[in-house]
C-alpha atoms as a PDB file:
ATOM      1  CA  MET A   1      25.032 -27.889 -33.826  1.00  0.00           C
ATOM      2  CA  ILE A   2      24.524 -31.349 -32.346  1.00  0.00           C
ATOM      3  CA  PRO A   3      21.891 -32.012 -29.643  1.00  0.00           C
ATOM      4  CA  CYS A   4      22.982 -34.916 -27.465  1.00  0.00           C
ATOM      5  CA  TYR A   5      20.927 -37.289 -25.367  1.00  0.00           C
ATOM      6  CA  LYS A   6      22.155 -40.856 -24.863  1.00  0.00           C
ATOM      7  CA  THR A   7      24.601 -40.513 -27.776  1.00  0.00           C
ATOM      8  CA  GLU A   8      27.707 -41.512 -25.836  1.00  0.00           C
ATOM      9  CA  ARG A   9      28.427 -44.462 -28.174  1.00  0.00           C
ATOM     10  CA  PHE A  10      28.380 -42.363 -31.326  1.00  0.00           C
ATOM     11  CA  ILE A  11      29.206 -38.717 -30.631  1.00  0.00           C
ATOM     12  CA  LEU A  12      33.004 -38.921 -30.751  1.00  0.00           C
ATOM     13  CA  ASN A  13      32.904 -40.674 -34.124  1.00  0.00           C
ATOM     14  CA  VAL A  14      30.474 -38.055 -35.462  1.00  0.00           C
ATOM     15  CA  LEU A  15      32.775 -35.239 -34.350  1.00  0.00           C
ATOM     16  CA  ALA A  16      35.801 -36.905 -35.924  1.00  0.00           C
ATOM     17  CA  ARG A  17      34.058 -36.954 -39.320  1.00  0.00           C
ATOM     18  CA  ILE A  18      33.188 -33.226 -39.450  1.00  0.00           C
ATOM     19  CA  GLY A  19      35.276 -31.504 -42.097  1.00  0.00           C
ATOM     20  CA  PRO A  20      37.333 -28.276 -42.004  1.00  0.00           C
ATOM     21  CA  GLU A  21      34.573 -26.267 -43.723  1.00  0.00           C
ATOM     22  CA  VAL A  22      32.881 -25.966 -40.299  1.00  0.00           C
ATOM     23  CA  THR A  23      34.242 -23.166 -38.105  1.00  0.00           C
ATOM     24  CA  SER A  24      32.388 -23.868 -34.840  1.00  0.00           C
ATOM     25  CA  ILE A  25      30.719 -26.949 -33.355  1.00  0.00           C
ATOM     26  CA  TYR A  26      28.199 -26.744 -30.523  1.00  0.00           C
ATOM     27  CA  ILE A  27      27.343 -29.851 -28.526  1.00  0.00           C
ATOM     28  CA  VAL A  28      24.115 -29.391 -26.558  1.00  0.00           C
ATOM     29  CA  ASP A  29      23.983 -31.879 -23.684  1.00  0.00           C
ATOM     30  CA  ASP A  30      20.265 -32.037 -22.835  1.00  0.00           C
ATOM     31  CA  HIS A  31      20.963 -33.383 -19.343  1.00  0.00           C
ATOM     32  CA  CYS A  32      22.113 -36.677 -20.842  1.00  0.00           C
ATOM     33  CA  PRO A  33      22.088 -39.430 -18.174  1.00  0.00           C
ATOM     34  CA  ALA A  34      25.132 -41.017 -19.824  1.00  0.00           C
ATOM     35  CA  GLY A  35      27.153 -37.788 -19.683  1.00  0.00           C
ATOM     36  CA  SER A  36      27.650 -37.190 -23.422  1.00  0.00           C
ATOM     37  CA  GLY A  37      28.884 -33.663 -22.734  1.00  0.00           C
ATOM     38  CA  GLU A  38      31.492 -34.805 -20.223  1.00  0.00           C
ATOM     39  CA  LEU A  39      32.629 -37.505 -22.652  1.00  0.00           C
ATOM     40  CA  VAL A  40      33.208 -34.923 -25.386  1.00  0.00           C
ATOM     41  CA  GLU A  41      35.096 -32.595 -23.057  1.00  0.00           C
ATOM     42  CA  GLN A  42      37.294 -35.431 -21.843  1.00  0.00           C
ATOM     43  CA  TYR A  43      38.192 -37.138 -25.117  1.00  0.00           C
ATOM     44  CA  CYS A  44      37.620 -34.637 -27.935  1.00  0.00           C
ATOM     45  CA  THR A  45      40.581 -32.372 -28.697  1.00  0.00           C
ATOM     46  CA  ASP A  46      38.923 -30.429 -31.537  1.00  0.00           C
ATOM     47  CA  ARG A  47      39.234 -26.736 -30.640  1.00  0.00           C
ATOM     48  CA  ARG A  48      36.080 -25.915 -32.597  1.00  0.00           C
ATOM     49  CA  VAL A  49      33.913 -27.814 -30.112  1.00  0.00           C
ATOM     50  CA  THR A  50      31.968 -26.045 -27.366  1.00  0.00           C
ATOM     51  CA  VAL A  51      29.763 -28.020 -24.969  1.00  0.00           C
ATOM     52  CA  LEU A  52      26.501 -26.435 -23.836  1.00  0.00           C
ATOM     53  CA  ARG A  53      24.444 -27.973 -21.030  1.00  0.00           C
ATOM     54  CA  HIS A  54      20.875 -28.067 -19.765  1.00  0.00           C
ATOM     55  CA  ASP A  55      20.415 -28.584 -16.036  1.00  0.00           C
ATOM     56  CA  VAL A  56      17.235 -30.588 -16.723  1.00  0.00           C
ATOM     57  CA  ASN A  57      16.102 -32.517 -19.782  1.00  0.00           C
ATOM     58  CA  GLN A  58      13.984 -30.190 -21.928  1.00  0.00           C
ATOM     59  CA  GLY A  59      13.676 -32.054 -25.222  1.00  0.00           C
ATOM     60  CA  VAL A  60      15.406 -32.009 -28.585  1.00  0.00           C
ATOM     61  CA  GLY A  61      13.630 -28.808 -29.631  1.00  0.00           C
ATOM     62  CA  ALA A  62      14.877 -26.964 -26.555  1.00  0.00           C
ATOM     63  CA  ALA A  63      18.401 -28.245 -27.229  1.00  0.00           C
ATOM     64  CA  MET A  64      18.201 -26.927 -30.784  1.00  0.00           C
ATOM     65  CA  ILE A  65      16.949 -23.541 -29.590  1.00  0.00           C
ATOM     66  CA  THR A  66      19.865 -23.293 -27.163  1.00  0.00           C
ATOM     67  CA  GLY A  67      22.287 -24.159 -29.948  1.00  0.00           C
ATOM     68  CA  TYR A  68      20.665 -21.723 -32.379  1.00  0.00           C
ATOM     69  CA  GLN A  69      20.745 -18.849 -29.904  1.00  0.00           C
ATOM     70  CA  THR A  70      24.393 -19.503 -29.045  1.00  0.00           C
ATOM     71  CA  ALA A  71      25.420 -19.720 -32.704  1.00  0.00           C
ATOM     72  CA  LEU A  72      23.569 -16.496 -33.548  1.00  0.00           C
ATOM     73  CA  ALA A  73      25.243 -14.679 -30.661  1.00  0.00           C
ATOM     74  CA  ALA A  74      28.618 -15.914 -31.948  1.00  0.00           C
ATOM     75  CA  GLY A  75      27.951 -14.410 -35.397  1.00  0.00           C
ATOM     76  CA  ALA A  76      27.309 -17.571 -37.424  1.00  0.00           C
ATOM     77  CA  ASP A  77      26.409 -17.200 -41.115  1.00  0.00           C
ATOM     78  CA  VAL A  78      24.827 -20.613 -41.696  1.00  0.00           C
ATOM     79  CA  ILE A  79      23.883 -23.063 -38.949  1.00  0.00           C
ATOM     80  CA  VAL A  80      23.775 -26.790 -39.671  1.00  0.00           C
ATOM     81  CA  LYS A  81      22.065 -29.208 -37.335  1.00  0.00           C
ATOM     82  CA  LEU A  82      22.743 -32.937 -37.317  1.00  0.00           C
ATOM     83  CA  ASP A  83      22.123 -35.648 -34.760  1.00  0.00           C
ATOM     84  CA  GLY A  84      24.737 -37.238 -32.585  1.00  0.00           C
ATOM     85  CA  ASP A  85      23.620 -40.832 -33.158  1.00  0.00           C
ATOM     86  CA  GLY A  86      25.678 -41.417 -36.308  1.00  0.00           C
ATOM     87  CA  GLN A  87      22.730 -41.710 -38.721  1.00  0.00           C
ATOM     88  CA  MET A  88      23.671 -38.526 -40.598  1.00  0.00           C
ATOM     89  CA  ASP A  89      26.819 -38.239 -42.708  1.00  0.00           C
ATOM     90  CA  PRO A  90      28.790 -35.060 -41.856  1.00  0.00           C
ATOM     91  CA  ALA A  91      30.340 -35.201 -45.343  1.00  0.00           C
ATOM     92  CA  LEU A  92      27.009 -33.859 -46.663  1.00  0.00           C
ATOM     93  CA  ILE A  93      27.356 -30.562 -44.794  1.00  0.00           C
ATOM     94  CA  PRO A  94      28.700 -28.664 -47.860  1.00  0.00           C
ATOM     95  CA  THR A  95      25.779 -30.019 -49.911  1.00  0.00           C
ATOM     96  CA  PHE A  96      23.293 -28.651 -47.388  1.00  0.00           C
ATOM     97  CA  VAL A  97      25.030 -25.283 -47.150  1.00  0.00           C
ATOM     98  CA  ALA A  98      25.761 -24.605 -50.854  1.00  0.00           C
ATOM     99  CA  PRO A  99      22.224 -23.540 -51.917  1.00  0.00           C
ATOM    100  CA  ILE A 100      22.073 -21.165 -48.950  1.00  0.00           C
ATOM    101  CA  THR A 101      25.415 -19.457 -49.557  1.00  0.00           C
ATOM    102  CA  ALA A 102      24.497 -19.170 -53.231  1.00  0.00           C
ATOM    103  CA  GLY A 103      21.469 -17.081 -52.218  1.00  0.00           C
ATOM    104  CA  GLU A 104      18.998 -19.556 -53.718  1.00  0.00           C
ATOM    105  CA  VAL A 105      17.235 -20.741 -50.556  1.00  0.00           C
ATOM    106  CA  ASP A 106      16.934 -19.931 -46.850  1.00  0.00           C
ATOM    107  CA  TYR A 107      16.596 -23.449 -45.422  1.00  0.00           C
ATOM    108  CA  THR A 108      17.601 -26.954 -46.457  1.00  0.00           C
ATOM    109  CA  LYS A 109      16.564 -30.238 -44.904  1.00  0.00           C
ATOM    110  CA  GLY A 110      17.339 -33.879 -45.524  1.00  0.00           C
ATOM    111  CA  ASN A 111      15.076 -36.287 -47.379  1.00  0.00           C
ATOM    112  CA  ARG A 112      15.623 -40.030 -46.989  1.00  0.00           C
ATOM    113  CA  PHE A 113      12.999 -40.991 -49.593  1.00  0.00           C
ATOM    114  CA  PHE A 114      14.719 -40.016 -52.848  1.00  0.00           C
ATOM    115  CA  ARG A 115      16.358 -43.365 -53.627  1.00  0.00           C
ATOM    116  CA  LEU A 116      14.381 -46.593 -53.739  1.00  0.00           C
ATOM    117  CA  GLU A 117      17.305 -48.476 -52.172  1.00  0.00           C
ATOM    118  CA  ASP A 118      17.222 -46.179 -49.142  1.00  0.00           C
ATOM    119  CA  VAL A 119      13.470 -46.578 -48.757  1.00  0.00           C
ATOM    120  CA  ARG A 120      13.791 -50.367 -48.759  1.00  0.00           C
ATOM    121  CA  ALA A 121      16.400 -50.164 -45.992  1.00  0.00           C
ATOM    122  CA  MET A 122      14.170 -48.018 -43.785  1.00  0.00           C
ATOM    123  CA  PRO A 123      12.396 -49.801 -40.904  1.00  0.00           C
ATOM    124  CA  PRO A 124       8.717 -50.362 -41.885  1.00  0.00           C
ATOM    125  CA  VAL A 125       7.341 -48.454 -38.889  1.00  0.00           C
ATOM    126  CA  ARG A 126       9.435 -45.402 -39.730  1.00  0.00           C
ATOM    127  CA  LEU A 127       8.543 -45.662 -43.401  1.00  0.00           C
ATOM    128  CA  PHE A 128       4.798 -45.693 -42.758  1.00  0.00           C
ATOM    129  CA  GLY A 129       4.919 -43.068 -40.033  1.00  0.00           C
ATOM    130  CA  ASN A 130       7.038 -40.655 -42.046  1.00  0.00           C
ATOM    131  CA  SER A 131       4.856 -41.075 -45.134  1.00  0.00           C
ATOM    132  CA  MET A 132       1.664 -40.242 -43.264  1.00  0.00           C
ATOM    133  CA  LEU A 133       3.260 -37.425 -41.318  1.00  0.00           C
ATOM    134  CA  SER A 134       4.737 -35.937 -44.500  1.00  0.00           C
ATOM    135  CA  LEU A 135       1.293 -35.653 -46.047  1.00  0.00           C
ATOM    136  CA  ILE A 136      -0.162 -33.997 -42.951  1.00  0.00           C
ATOM    137  CA  THR A 137       2.806 -31.632 -42.672  1.00  0.00           C
ATOM    138  CA  LYS A 138       2.405 -30.472 -46.263  1.00  0.00           C
ATOM    139  CA  VAL A 139      -1.039 -29.172 -45.322  1.00  0.00           C
ATOM    140  CA  SER A 140       0.014 -27.617 -42.020  1.00  0.00           C
ATOM    141  CA  SER A 141       3.274 -26.008 -43.169  1.00  0.00           C
ATOM    142  CA  GLY A 142       2.366 -25.042 -46.726  1.00  0.00           C
ATOM    143  CA  TYR A 143       5.589 -26.591 -48.072  1.00  0.00           C
ATOM    144  CA  TRP A 144       4.014 -28.966 -50.581  1.00  0.00           C
ATOM    145  CA  ASN A 145       7.438 -29.448 -52.192  1.00  0.00           C
ATOM    146  CA  LEU A 146       8.987 -31.046 -49.088  1.00  0.00           C
ATOM    147  CA  PHE A 147       8.925 -34.576 -47.749  1.00  0.00           C
ATOM    148  CA  ASP A 148      10.289 -36.363 -44.664  1.00  0.00           C
ATOM    149  CA  PRO A 149       9.391 -33.529 -42.230  1.00  0.00           C
ATOM    150  CA  THR A 150      10.882 -35.145 -39.112  1.00  0.00           C
ATOM    151  CA  ASN A 151      14.331 -35.323 -40.698  1.00  0.00           C
ATOM    152  CA  GLY A 152      16.684 -33.488 -38.367  1.00  0.00           C
ATOM    153  CA  TYR A 153      19.532 -32.880 -40.810  1.00  0.00           C
ATOM    154  CA  THR A 154      19.022 -29.197 -41.605  1.00  0.00           C
ATOM    155  CA  ALA A 155      20.823 -25.973 -42.481  1.00  0.00           C
ATOM    156  CA  ILE A 156      19.482 -22.448 -42.125  1.00  0.00           C
ATOM    157  CA  ARG A 157      20.663 -18.960 -42.997  1.00  0.00           C
ATOM    158  CA  ALA A 158      21.333 -16.992 -39.799  1.00  0.00           C
ATOM    159  CA  SER A 159      19.476 -13.918 -41.062  1.00  0.00           C
ATOM    160  CA  THR A 160      16.403 -16.098 -41.661  1.00  0.00           C
ATOM    161  CA  LEU A 161      16.695 -17.721 -38.237  1.00  0.00           C
ATOM    162  CA  ARG A 162      16.691 -14.292 -36.570  1.00  0.00           C
ATOM    163  CA  ARG A 163      13.227 -13.647 -37.999  1.00  0.00           C
ATOM    164  CA  LEU A 164      11.717 -16.701 -36.305  1.00  0.00           C
ATOM    165  CA  PRO A 165      10.103 -16.603 -32.828  1.00  0.00           C
ATOM    166  CA  LEU A 166      12.324 -19.311 -31.355  1.00  0.00           C
ATOM    167  CA  ASP A 167      10.672 -19.104 -27.943  1.00  0.00           C
ATOM    168  CA  SER A 168       7.310 -19.999 -29.541  1.00  0.00           C
ATOM    169  CA  ILE A 169       8.509 -23.146 -31.336  1.00  0.00           C
ATOM    170  CA  SER A 170       7.839 -26.593 -29.886  1.00  0.00           C
ATOM    171  CA  ARG A 171      10.587 -27.817 -27.564  1.00  0.00           C
ATOM    172  CA  ARG A 172      10.029 -31.541 -28.034  1.00  0.00           C
ATOM    173  CA  TYR A 173       9.948 -33.884 -31.032  1.00  0.00           C
ATOM    174  CA  PHE A 174       7.539 -31.626 -32.936  1.00  0.00           C
ATOM    175  CA  PHE A 175      10.302 -29.042 -33.331  1.00  0.00           C
ATOM    176  CA  GLU A 176      11.325 -29.802 -36.949  1.00  0.00           C
ATOM    177  CA  THR A 177       7.708 -29.764 -38.135  1.00  0.00           C
ATOM    178  CA  ASP A 178       6.942 -26.585 -36.191  1.00  0.00           C
ATOM    179  CA  MET A 179      10.024 -24.968 -37.738  1.00  0.00           C
ATOM    180  CA  LEU A 180       8.554 -25.496 -41.213  1.00  0.00           C
ATOM    181  CA  PHE A 181       5.321 -23.824 -40.110  1.00  0.00           C
ATOM    182  CA  GLN A 182       7.216 -20.789 -38.788  1.00  0.00           C
ATOM    183  CA  LEU A 183       9.430 -20.628 -41.877  1.00  0.00           C
ATOM    184  CA  ASN A 184       6.378 -20.508 -44.129  1.00  0.00           C
ATOM    185  CA  LEU A 185       4.950 -17.586 -42.176  1.00  0.00           C
ATOM    186  CA  VAL A 186       8.074 -15.537 -43.002  1.00  0.00           C
ATOM    187  CA  ARG A 187       8.014 -16.798 -46.625  1.00  0.00           C
ATOM    188  CA  ALA A 188      11.385 -18.539 -46.375  1.00  0.00           C
ATOM    189  CA  VAL A 189      12.412 -20.719 -49.313  1.00  0.00           C
ATOM    190  CA  ALA A 190      13.034 -24.329 -48.254  1.00  0.00           C
ATOM    191  CA  ILE A 191      14.194 -27.333 -50.273  1.00  0.00           C
ATOM    192  CA  ASP A 192      14.953 -31.010 -49.701  1.00  0.00           C
ATOM    193  CA  VAL A 193      18.456 -32.444 -49.950  1.00  0.00           C
ATOM    194  CA  PRO A 194      18.690 -36.162 -50.827  1.00  0.00           C
ATOM    195  CA  MET A 195      20.520 -38.139 -48.181  1.00  0.00           C
ATOM    196  CA  GLN A 196      21.014 -41.645 -46.911  1.00  0.00           C
ATOM    197  CA  ALA A 197      20.397 -42.467 -43.269  1.00  0.00           C
ATOM    198  CA  ARG A 198      22.176 -45.229 -41.406  1.00  0.00           C
ATOM    199  CA  TYR A 199      20.101 -47.324 -39.029  1.00  0.00           C
ATOM    200  CA  GLY A 200      22.085 -49.129 -36.380  1.00  0.00           C
ATOM    201  CA  THR A 201      21.559 -50.112 -32.755  1.00  0.00           C
ATOM    202  CA  GLU A 202      20.540 -46.644 -31.545  1.00  0.00           C
ATOM    203  CA  THR A 203      17.151 -46.294 -29.893  1.00  0.00           C
ATOM    204  CA  SER A 204      14.664 -43.461 -30.135  1.00  0.00           C
ATOM    205  CA  GLY A 205      12.834 -41.892 -27.215  1.00  0.00           C
ATOM    206  CA  LEU A 206       9.861 -41.160 -29.452  1.00  0.00           C
ATOM    207  CA  ARG A 207       6.707 -43.092 -28.520  1.00  0.00           C
ATOM    208  CA  ILE A 208       4.833 -43.767 -31.759  1.00  0.00           C
ATOM    209  CA  GLY A 209       1.293 -43.892 -30.354  1.00  0.00           C
ATOM    210  CA  ARG A 210       1.558 -40.756 -28.263  1.00  0.00           C
ATOM    211  CA  ALA A 211       3.474 -38.889 -30.980  1.00  0.00           C
ATOM    212  CA  ALA A 212       0.854 -39.767 -33.608  1.00  0.00           C
ATOM    213  CA  VAL A 213      -1.894 -38.099 -31.575  1.00  0.00           C
ATOM    214  CA  GLU A 214       0.261 -35.130 -30.601  1.00  0.00           C
ATOM    215  CA  PHE A 215       1.587 -34.527 -34.124  1.00  0.00           C
ATOM    216  CA  THR A 216      -1.899 -34.811 -35.672  1.00  0.00           C
ATOM    217  CA  LEU A 217      -3.429 -32.285 -33.267  1.00  0.00           C
ATOM    218  CA  LYS A 218      -0.546 -29.831 -33.515  1.00  0.00           C
ATOM    219  CA  ASN A 219      -0.424 -30.081 -37.307  1.00  0.00           C
ATOM    220  CA  ALA A 220      -4.164 -29.426 -37.483  1.00  0.00           C
ATOM    221  CA  LEU A 221      -3.777 -26.337 -35.290  1.00  0.00           C
ATOM    222  CA  ASN A 222      -0.846 -25.087 -37.391  1.00  0.00           C
ATOM    223  CA  ALA A 223      -2.828 -25.613 -40.596  1.00  0.00           C
ATOM    224  CA  VAL A 224      -5.670 -23.452 -39.292  1.00  0.00           C
ATOM    225  CA  LYS A 225      -3.286 -20.743 -38.075  1.00  0.00           C
ATOM    226  CA  ARG A 226      -1.342 -20.699 -41.345  1.00  0.00           C
ATOM    227  CA  ILE A 227      -4.445 -20.464 -43.511  1.00  0.00           C
ATOM    228  CA  VAL A 228      -5.994 -17.713 -41.376  1.00  0.00           C
ATOM    229  CA  TYR A 229      -2.775 -15.723 -41.335  1.00  0.00           C
ATOM    230  CA  ASN A 230      -1.824 -16.135 -44.998  1.00  0.00           C
ATOM    231  CA  TYR A 231      -5.269 -15.912 -46.573  1.00  0.00           C
ATOM    232  CA  TYR A 232      -7.284 -13.631 -44.285  1.00  0.00           C
ATOM    233  CA  LEU A 233      -4.946 -11.452 -42.202  1.00  0.00           C
ATOM    234  CA  ARG A 234      -1.868 -10.797 -44.339  1.00  0.00           C
ATOM    235  CA  ASP A 235      -3.532 -11.064 -47.737  1.00  0.00           C
ATOM    236  CA  MET A 236      -6.794 -12.011 -49.440  1.00  0.00           C
ATOM    237  CA  SER A 237      -7.339 -13.618 -52.819  1.00  0.00           C
ATOM    238  CA  LEU A 238      -9.838 -15.751 -54.684  1.00  0.00           C
ATOM    239  CA  ALA A 239      -8.591 -18.692 -52.614  1.00  0.00           C
ATOM    240  CA  SER A 240      -9.818 -16.871 -49.495  1.00  0.00           C
ATOM    241  CA  ILE A 241     -13.360 -17.247 -50.850  1.00  0.00           C
ATOM    242  CA  GLU A 242     -12.995 -20.736 -52.302  1.00  0.00           C
ATOM    243  CA  LEU A 243     -12.114 -22.453 -49.024  1.00  0.00           C
ATOM    244  CA  PRO A 244     -14.993 -21.297 -46.758  1.00  0.00           C
ATOM    245  CA  LEU A 245     -17.497 -21.554 -49.611  1.00  0.00           C
ATOM    246  CA  GLY A 246     -16.298 -25.064 -50.441  1.00  0.00           C
ATOM    247  CA  LEU A 247     -16.467 -26.177 -46.809  1.00  0.00           C
ATOM    248  CA  ALA A 248     -19.960 -24.711 -46.405  1.00  0.00           C
ATOM    249  CA  LEU A 249     -21.283 -26.423 -49.536  1.00  0.00           C
ATOM    250  CA  LEU A 250     -19.620 -29.696 -48.574  1.00  0.00           C
ATOM    251  CA  LEU A 251     -21.138 -29.568 -45.105  1.00  0.00           C
ATOM    252  CA  PHE A 252     -24.601 -28.684 -46.408  1.00  0.00           C
ATOM    253  CA  GLY A 253     -24.570 -31.434 -49.057  1.00  0.00           C
ATOM    254  CA  THR A 254     -23.364 -34.018 -46.551  1.00  0.00           C
ATOM    255  CA  VAL A 255     -25.850 -33.148 -43.796  1.00  0.00           C
ATOM    256  CA  PHE A 256     -28.799 -32.673 -46.171  1.00  0.00           C
ATOM    257  CA  GLY A 257     -28.041 -35.909 -48.017  1.00  0.00           C
ATOM    258  CA  ALA A 258     -27.522 -37.913 -44.828  1.00  0.00           C
ATOM    259  CA  TYR A 259     -30.779 -36.625 -43.326  1.00  0.00           C
ATOM    260  CA  HIS A 260     -32.881 -37.492 -46.366  1.00  0.00           C
ATOM    261  CA  TRP A 261     -31.136 -40.831 -46.874  1.00  0.00           C
ATOM    262  CA  HIS A 262     -31.975 -41.733 -43.285  1.00  0.00           C
ATOM    263  CA  ALA A 263     -35.586 -40.554 -43.735  1.00  0.00           C
ATOM    264  CA  SER A 264     -35.935 -42.595 -46.929  1.00  0.00           C
ATOM    265  CA  TRP A 265     -34.553 -45.662 -45.175  1.00  0.00           C
ATOM    266  CA  LEU A 266     -37.041 -45.305 -42.310  1.00  0.00           C
ATOM    267  CA  LEU A 267     -40.021 -44.767 -44.638  1.00  0.00           C
ATOM    268  CA  GLY A 268     -38.929 -47.388 -47.139  1.00  0.00           C
ATOM    269  CA  GLN A 269     -39.354 -44.910 -49.983  1.00  0.00           C
ATOM    270  CA  PRO A 270     -36.647 -43.718 -52.385  1.00  0.00           C
ATOM    271  CA  ALA A 271     -35.798 -40.016 -52.346  1.00  0.00           C
ATOM    272  CA  SER A 272     -36.937 -37.932 -55.266  1.00  0.00           C
ATOM    273  CA  ALA A 273     -34.539 -36.935 -58.042  1.00  0.00           C
ATOM    274  CA  GLY A 274     -34.728 -33.309 -56.879  1.00  0.00           C
ATOM    275  CA  THR A 275     -33.727 -34.267 -53.338  1.00  0.00           C
ATOM    276  CA  VAL A 276     -30.782 -36.302 -54.606  1.00  0.00           C
ATOM    277  CA  MET A 277     -29.616 -33.427 -56.826  1.00  0.00           C
ATOM    278  CA  LEU A 278     -30.018 -30.915 -53.981  1.00  0.00           C
ATOM    279  CA  ALA A 279     -27.645 -33.038 -51.914  1.00  0.00           C
ATOM    280  CA  ALA A 280     -25.201 -34.064 -54.658  1.00  0.00           C
ATOM    281  CA  LEU A 281     -24.742 -30.705 -56.364  1.00  0.00           C
ATOM    282  CA  PRO A 282     -23.536 -28.758 -53.283  1.00  0.00           C
ATOM    283  CA  LEU A 283     -21.399 -31.741 -52.285  1.00  0.00           C
ATOM    284  CA  LEU A 284     -19.620 -31.947 -55.638  1.00  0.00           C
ATOM    285  CA  THR A 285     -19.327 -28.176 -55.984  1.00  0.00           C
ATOM    286  CA  GLY A 286     -17.857 -27.903 -52.503  1.00  0.00           C
ATOM    287  CA  ILE A 287     -15.238 -30.520 -53.331  1.00  0.00           C
ATOM    288  CA  GLN A 288     -14.313 -28.594 -56.481  1.00  0.00           C
ATOM    289  CA  PHE A 289     -13.885 -25.355 -54.521  1.00  0.00           C
ATOM    290  CA  ILE A 290     -11.663 -27.089 -51.971  1.00  0.00           C
ATOM    291  CA  ILE A 291      -9.544 -28.626 -54.729  1.00  0.00           C
ATOM    292  CA  ALA A 292      -9.218 -25.163 -56.309  1.00  0.00           C
ATOM    293  CA  PHE A 293      -8.020 -23.774 -52.974  1.00  0.00           C
ATOM    294  CA  LEU A 294      -5.467 -26.574 -52.582  1.00  0.00           C
ATOM    295  CA  SER A 295      -4.197 -25.937 -56.113  1.00  0.00           C
ATOM    296  CA  TYR A 296      -3.689 -22.271 -55.274  1.00  0.00           C
ATOM    297  CA  ASP A 297      -1.981 -23.171 -51.992  1.00  0.00           C
ATOM    298  CA  ILE A 298       0.397 -25.593 -53.715  1.00  0.00           C
ATOM    299  CA  ALA A 299       1.328 -22.919 -56.258  1.00  0.00           C
ATOM    300  CA  ASN A 300       1.874 -20.461 -53.380  1.00  0.00           C
ATOM    301  CA  VAL A 301       4.938 -22.271 -51.984  1.00  0.00           C
ATOM    302  CA  PRO A 302       7.718 -19.675 -51.397  1.00  0.00           C
ATOM    303  CA  ARG A 303      10.027 -19.626 -54.427  1.00  0.00           C
ATOM    304  CA  ARG A 304      12.327 -16.641 -53.947  1.00  0.00           C
ATOM    305  CA  ALA A 305      14.820 -16.398 -51.106  1.00  0.00           C
ATOM    306  CA  TRP A 306      13.894 -13.448 -48.950  1.00  0.00           C
ATOM    307  CA  SER A 307      17.223 -13.032 -47.153  1.00  0.00           C
ATOM    308  CA  PRO A 308      20.235 -11.976 -49.226  1.00  0.00           C
ATOM    309  CA  PRO A 309      23.435 -14.028 -48.844  1.00  0.00           C
ATOM    310  CA  ARG A 310      26.009 -12.599 -46.456  1.00  0.00           C
END
């Protein structure tokens, strides 16, 4: 499955490099102004290729949902998604699919940070942005074992994909990150696959400033929803107590300490040892409880593939 938007310079070369292990190829033309879909229909003779079209531009997430739904209806076993801009090597498709067909995992995604040489070749803005976003996404998705969350080179078991509420997933650039959140809710096993990205003259429609705010807010909302669902609605454990207790103690220690520090500063008198301890002890204890919760959450990453191989 290849979503296309302004990929007219690269898409034919990408299609030519897809190996015989792939049985069907879906090109999703997201109302591309350059006519990527028409270009493929006119010059590509590969019988595996089907062009799907959106009448209006809906975003990369919407294009992926259209491709997923079409592939599921056609009876696909494993669905691989790569971009049409030439950054992703189609020769890696068997590497992405092998752990899924072996029944070990439900979802694989690319990671461009495994090799130091690849990291050095990455544009600095992308390197910094992906690093920060990866940390935030670990908290929101619960996949502490994954990195490079915006990487669009993915493969998913069809039986796992059918369990996801595709209509509820973000239809823009947040799609890949939102997918991880939904996969965690169904306890799907996901792993990274090392890969090398090629950076050429292609341009991205992603606006860094706006995306940073949007991704931060949406990740925060997903983190709250995941924690409530996993630790209070579907199950309860010691971690369910540690988090609210830790937050309450942290808040009390911070507010109490700040109030008395301010009062001491106004009066010009140092706070008593008891006042300092009454602020510091809840603060430190709260931090310990939160760390204990995070340790439990990290250990709670899905480890066993839920869906059997077909």
